[in-house]
Amino acid sequence: MLVAVVGPSGAGKDTLLAGARMRIGPDARFRFVRRAITRPAEAGGEDHDPFDRDAFLRRRDAGGFALWWEAHGLLYGIPRDIEPDLASGRCVVANLSRRALTEAASRHPLLVLEVTAPPAVLAARLAARGREDAATIAARLAREAPLPTGLRVLRVVNDGGVEQGVARVVQALLGVAEEGRGH
């Protein structure tokens, strides 16, 4: 099953995924996917495979991505090599965009793990990053990005410390893996 991790900026998706990967890492039921992004490695944020736009498009056109999308002026891709893992029944965990969910659900068994936090927590985290001014943060938080209908969604509220958030994500993922064993 493809576990698509989504959520607003500031929810802590990258931090919680990194923590969950460390805790679950040796469990063969899981694969955590490293995305390809048209962003330099030194730009910060999540650990990713950096591509320039032309190289990304060549890889896409050659069928190198199981899923790809564009958001915020960047291209994102999930490598095609996830498909044998999905076919073997592993939980493939990937940070996706809401705009990629419908396509993902049409291609793979999908569960959405939505990581979120209250607006005040999101605003404080975004302000702490120092990348945007208060008006830009307010506009970002005002944008509504509903999930497509008909998808199975688990929600993790990341409103406390990192360890608490990681524990919630790990619990959700282990529950999905256990559920998958029964089918």
Protein backbone atom coordinates (compact mmCIF):
# COMPACT_ATOMS: atom_id res chain seq x y z
CA MET A 1 0.00 0.00 0.00
CA LEU A 2 1.15 3.52 -0.79
CA VAL A 3 0.95 5.69 2.33
CA ALA A 4 0.80 9.28 1.11
CA VAL A 5 1.87 11.74 3.78
CA VAL A 6 0.32 15.16 3.25
CA GLY A 7 -0.29 18.27 5.31
CA PRO A 8 0.14 22.01 5.40
CA SER A 9 3.50 23.75 5.58
CA GLY A 10 4.63 23.87 9.19
CA ALA A 11 2.81 20.70 10.21
CA GLY A 12 6.13 18.92 10.64
CA LYS A 13 5.83 16.24 7.96
CA ASP A 14 9.55 16.07 7.18
CA THR A 15 10.57 15.99 10.84
CA LEU A 16 8.03 13.32 11.74
CA LEU A 17 8.85 11.21 8.69
CA ALA A 18 12.56 11.35 9.49
CA GLY A 19 11.85 10.28 13.07
CA ALA A 20 9.51 7.49 11.97
CA ARG A 21 12.10 6.27 9.46
CA MET A 22 14.68 6.05 12.25
CA ARG A 23 12.34 4.09 14.51
CA ILE A 24 10.83 1.81 11.87
CA GLY A 25 13.90 1.60 9.61
CA PRO A 26 14.80 -2.07 10.12
CA ASP A 27 11.16 -3.25 9.71
CA ALA A 28 11.04 -4.89 6.25
CA ARG A 29 7.30 -4.16 5.95
CA PHE A 30 8.14 -0.53 5.18
CA ARG A 31 9.96 1.51 2.60
CA PHE A 32 10.40 5.24 3.07
CA VAL A 33 10.75 6.98 -0.29
CA ARG A 34 13.20 9.75 -1.07
CA ARG A 35 11.60 12.18 -3.53
CA ALA A 36 13.18 13.75 -6.58
CA ILE A 37 12.76 17.54 -6.53
CA THR A 38 13.91 20.32 -8.84
CA ARG A 39 15.60 22.02 -5.90
CA PRO A 40 19.30 22.06 -5.02
CA ALA A 41 20.30 19.75 -2.16
CA GLU A 42 21.73 22.69 -0.21
CA ALA A 43 18.39 24.53 -0.30
CA GLY A 44 17.40 22.83 2.95
CA GLY A 45 14.20 21.09 3.87
CA GLU A 46 13.78 17.38 3.35
CA ASP A 47 16.50 15.05 2.19
CA HIS A 48 15.80 14.61 -1.52
CA ASP A 49 17.36 13.71 -4.85
CA PRO A 50 18.09 17.09 -6.46
CA PHE A 51 17.43 17.57 -10.18
CA ASP A 52 17.52 20.49 -12.51
CA ARG A 53 14.31 20.92 -14.50
CA ASP A 54 15.65 19.46 -17.77
CA ALA A 55 17.07 16.35 -16.08
CA PHE A 56 13.81 15.83 -14.20
CA LEU A 57 11.76 16.08 -17.40
CA ARG A 58 14.09 13.63 -19.18
CA ARG A 59 13.65 11.15 -16.31
CA ARG A 60 9.88 11.68 -16.35
CA ASP A 61 9.66 11.20 -20.11
CA ALA A 62 11.73 8.00 -19.85
CA GLY A 63 9.17 6.59 -17.38
CA GLY A 64 11.40 7.00 -14.34
CA PHE A 65 8.66 8.17 -12.00
CA ALA A 66 5.70 6.24 -10.64
CA LEU A 67 4.13 9.62 -9.81
CA TRP A 68 5.12 13.20 -10.46
CA TRP A 69 3.56 16.62 -9.98
CA GLU A 70 4.32 20.32 -9.94
CA ALA A 71 3.78 22.54 -6.90
CA HIS A 72 5.12 25.93 -5.83
CA GLY A 73 7.19 26.19 -9.04
CA LEU A 74 9.03 22.91 -8.41
CA LEU A 75 8.69 19.44 -9.91
CA TYR A 76 8.41 16.46 -7.56
CA GLY A 77 8.69 12.78 -8.39
CA ILE A 78 8.37 9.40 -6.72
CA PRO A 79 10.70 6.83 -8.32
CA ARG A 80 9.25 4.03 -10.40
CA ASP A 81 11.18 1.46 -8.38
CA ILE A 82 8.48 1.59 -5.67
CA GLU A 83 6.26 -0.63 -7.80
CA PRO A 84 7.87 -4.00 -6.87
CA ASP A 85 7.63 -2.98 -3.19
CA LEU A 86 3.94 -2.21 -3.60
CA ALA A 87 3.37 -5.47 -5.47
CA SER A 88 5.04 -7.41 -2.66
CA GLY A 89 2.71 -5.87 -0.06
CA ARG A 90 5.16 -3.47 1.60
CA CYS A 91 3.94 -0.15 2.98
CA VAL A 92 5.61 2.47 0.82
CA VAL A 93 5.63 5.78 2.71
CA ALA A 94 6.03 8.93 0.62
CA ASN A 95 5.57 12.65 1.14
CA LEU A 96 3.03 13.63 -1.54
CA SER A 97 1.12 16.72 -2.55
CA ARG A 98 -2.65 16.81 -2.22
CA ARG A 99 -2.76 17.47 -5.97
CA ALA A 100 -1.11 14.07 -6.61
CA LEU A 101 -3.54 12.02 -4.51
CA THR A 102 -6.21 11.36 -7.13
CA GLU A 103 -3.58 10.13 -9.61
CA ALA A 104 -1.90 8.04 -6.89
CA ALA A 105 -5.23 6.43 -5.93
CA SER A 106 -5.92 5.57 -9.57
CA ARG A 107 -2.60 3.68 -9.81
CA HIS A 108 -1.99 2.14 -6.38
CA PRO A 109 -3.80 1.04 -3.21
CA LEU A 110 -3.64 4.28 -1.22
CA LEU A 111 -3.93 5.47 2.34
CA VAL A 112 -3.52 9.16 3.14
CA LEU A 113 -1.71 10.04 6.37
CA GLU A 114 -2.56 13.69 6.97
CA VAL A 115 -0.22 15.47 9.38
CA THR A 116 -1.70 18.70 10.68
CA ALA A 117 -1.57 21.15 13.56
CA PRO A 118 -3.74 24.00 14.84
CA PRO A 119 -3.39 27.26 12.87
CA ALA A 120 -1.53 29.07 15.68
CA VAL A 121 1.05 26.27 15.84
CA LEU A 122 1.47 26.31 12.06
CA ALA A 123 1.91 30.10 12.07
CA ALA A 124 4.55 29.95 14.82
CA ARG A 125 6.51 27.22 13.03
CA LEU A 126 6.40 29.05 9.70
CA ALA A 127 7.52 32.29 11.37
CA ALA A 128 10.41 30.46 13.06
CA ARG A 129 11.67 29.34 9.65
CA GLY A 130 12.22 32.98 8.71
CA ARG A 131 11.43 32.42 5.02
CA GLU A 132 8.20 34.42 4.85
CA ASP A 133 6.78 37.59 6.38
CA ALA A 134 3.65 37.63 8.54
CA ALA A 135 1.33 38.59 5.65
CA THR A 136 2.62 35.73 3.47
CA ILE A 137 2.21 33.27 6.35
CA ALA A 138 -1.35 34.47 6.96
CA ALA A 139 -2.18 34.07 3.26
CA ARG A 140 -0.64 30.58 3.22
CA LEU A 141 -2.71 29.53 6.25
CA ALA A 142 -5.90 30.98 4.73
CA ARG A 143 -5.58 28.79 1.62
CA GLU A 144 -7.87 25.83 1.80
CA ALA A 145 -6.59 22.63 0.26
CA PRO A 146 -9.23 19.98 0.86
CA LEU A 147 -8.41 16.35 0.31
CA PRO A 148 -10.09 14.65 -2.66
CA THR A 149 -13.23 12.80 -1.63
CA GLY A 150 -13.41 9.04 -1.35
CA LEU A 151 -9.90 8.46 0.01
CA ARG A 152 -9.07 6.60 3.21
CA VAL A 153 -7.48 9.13 5.57
CA LEU A 154 -5.73 8.81 8.92
CA ARG A 155 -5.01 12.10 10.67
CA VAL A 156 -2.12 12.83 13.01
CA VAL A 157 -2.28 16.10 14.92
CA ASN A 158 1.27 17.32 15.55
CA ASP A 159 0.65 19.90 18.24
CA GLY A 160 3.21 18.83 20.82
CA GLY A 161 6.85 17.89 20.93
CA VAL A 162 8.72 16.07 18.19
CA GLU A 163 8.87 12.77 20.11
CA GLN A 164 5.12 12.82 20.66
CA GLY A 165 4.48 13.52 16.97
CA VAL A 166 6.89 10.80 15.84
CA ALA A 167 5.22 8.32 18.20
CA ARG A 168 1.81 9.16 16.69
CA VAL A 169 3.09 8.64 13.13
CA VAL A 170 4.82 5.37 14.06
CA GLN A 171 1.66 4.13 15.75
CA ALA A 172 -0.41 4.97 12.65
CA LEU A 173 2.07 3.28 10.29
CA LEU A 174 2.39 0.14 12.42
CA GLY A 175 -1.40 -0.07 12.51
CA VAL A 176 -1.54 0.08 8.72
CA ALA A 177 1.10 -2.65 8.43
CA GLU A 178 -0.75 -4.90 10.89
CA GLU A 179 -4.01 -4.33 9.05
CA GLY A 180 -2.29 -5.28 5.78
CA ARG A 181 -1.16 -8.60 7.26
CA GLY A 182 -4.79 -9.59 7.75
CA HIS A 183 -5.63 -9.26 4.05
